[in-house]
Amino acid sequence: MKKKRSIKILIWIIIGIVFFILMELLWSDVILANMKEEKREDNLLPFYWLLLIVGGSIVCTLSYVSWRKYHGEKKDKQHRDNDKLID
């Protein structure tokens, strides 16, 4: 059980690192593009931050809720299996 948990944690860490690297590459392109077009009045950088914060919050919330549901269903199944053994 601990081995599966450590593998899951390792996978999530790897996903986080890959996500961080991809976001860093995207943001560096956006910053370079903005530096070239400093005279441009409509700056979309705050919009990207808003999009990242709201989207990240939604993803985190949905991930947490699905994780809790999974564990709840797993516990319910264990309780039902234990009840059947008692009968």
Protein backbone atom coordinates (compact mmCIF):
# COMPACT_ATOMS: atom_id res chain seq x y z
CA MET A 1 0.00 0.00 0.00
CA LYS A 2 2.83 2.41 0.86
CA LYS A 3 4.60 1.55 -2.38
CA LYS A 4 1.52 2.50 -4.44
CA ARG A 5 1.19 5.73 -2.51
CA SER A 6 4.83 6.66 -3.06
CA ILE A 7 4.50 5.88 -6.77
CA LYS A 8 1.44 8.14 -7.00
CA ILE A 9 3.25 10.93 -5.18
CA LEU A 10 6.25 10.55 -7.50
CA ILE A 11 3.99 10.69 -10.56
CA TRP A 12 2.30 13.87 -9.27
CA ILE A 13 5.69 15.46 -8.60
CA ILE A 14 6.84 14.64 -12.13
CA ILE A 15 3.60 16.06 -13.57
CA GLY A 16 4.11 19.22 -11.51
CA ILE A 17 7.68 19.65 -12.74
CA VAL A 18 6.65 19.15 -16.38
CA PHE A 19 3.77 21.60 -15.94
CA PHE A 20 6.11 24.15 -14.36
CA ILE A 21 8.61 23.85 -17.20
CA LEU A 22 5.89 24.21 -19.84
CA MET A 23 4.40 27.25 -18.11
CA GLU A 24 7.86 28.80 -17.76
CA LEU A 25 8.46 28.37 -21.49
CA LEU A 26 5.07 29.87 -22.33
CA TRP A 27 5.52 32.82 -19.96
CA SER A 28 9.00 33.56 -21.27
CA ASP A 29 7.56 33.77 -24.80
CA VAL A 30 4.79 36.07 -23.59
CA ILE A 31 7.23 38.31 -21.74
CA LEU A 32 9.56 38.50 -24.74
CA ALA A 33 6.65 39.35 -27.02
CA ASN A 34 5.52 42.07 -24.62
CA MET A 35 9.01 43.52 -24.42
CA LYS A 36 9.12 43.81 -28.21
CA GLU A 37 5.70 45.46 -28.32
CA GLU A 38 5.99 47.85 -25.37
CA LYS A 39 4.21 50.58 -27.29
CA ARG A 40 1.11 48.44 -27.66
CA GLU A 41 -1.65 49.69 -25.36
CA ASP A 42 -3.71 46.51 -24.91
CA ASN A 43 -1.63 44.38 -22.57
CA LEU A 44 -3.03 40.86 -22.09
CA LEU A 45 -0.69 39.80 -19.30
CA PRO A 46 -3.26 40.45 -16.50
CA PHE A 47 -5.78 38.41 -18.48
CA TYR A 48 -3.37 35.47 -18.61
CA TRP A 49 -2.81 35.70 -14.85
CA LEU A 50 -6.56 35.75 -14.26
CA LEU A 51 -7.02 32.79 -16.58
CA LEU A 52 -4.27 30.84 -14.84
CA ILE A 53 -5.61 31.55 -11.34
CA VAL A 54 -9.25 30.77 -12.13
CA GLY A 55 -8.43 27.72 -14.25
CA GLY A 56 -6.00 26.42 -11.66
CA SER A 57 -8.55 26.85 -8.89
CA ILE A 58 -11.17 24.96 -10.87
CA VAL A 59 -8.76 22.13 -11.69
CA CYS A 60 -7.62 21.84 -8.07
CA THR A 61 -11.19 21.83 -6.77
CA LEU A 62 -12.37 19.20 -9.23
CA SER A 63 -9.33 17.03 -8.52
CA TYR A 64 -9.91 17.23 -4.77
CA VAL A 65 -13.62 16.44 -5.06
CA SER A 66 -13.02 13.46 -7.33
CA TRP A 67 -10.29 12.19 -4.99
CA ARG A 68 -12.64 12.44 -1.98
CA LYS A 69 -15.42 10.69 -3.90
CA TYR A 70 -13.06 7.89 -4.91
CA HIS A 71 -11.94 7.32 -1.33
CA GLY A 72 -15.52 7.52 -0.04
CA GLU A 73 -16.70 4.90 -2.51
CA LYS A 74 -13.72 2.74 -1.64
CA LYS A 75 -14.58 2.89 2.08
CA ASP A 76 -18.26 2.16 1.37
CA LYS A 77 -17.28 -0.91 -0.62
CA GLN A 78 -15.04 -2.11 2.21
CA HIS A 79 -17.88 -1.64 4.71
CA ARG A 80 -20.31 -3.54 2.47
CA ASP A 81 -17.80 -6.34 2.02
CA ASN A 82 -17.24 -6.51 5.79
CA ASP A 83 -21.01 -6.62 6.40
CA LYS A 84 -21.39 -9.52 3.99
CA LEU A 85 -18.67 -11.44 5.83
CA ILE A 86 -20.46 -10.96 9.15
CA ASP A 87 -23.77 -12.36 7.80
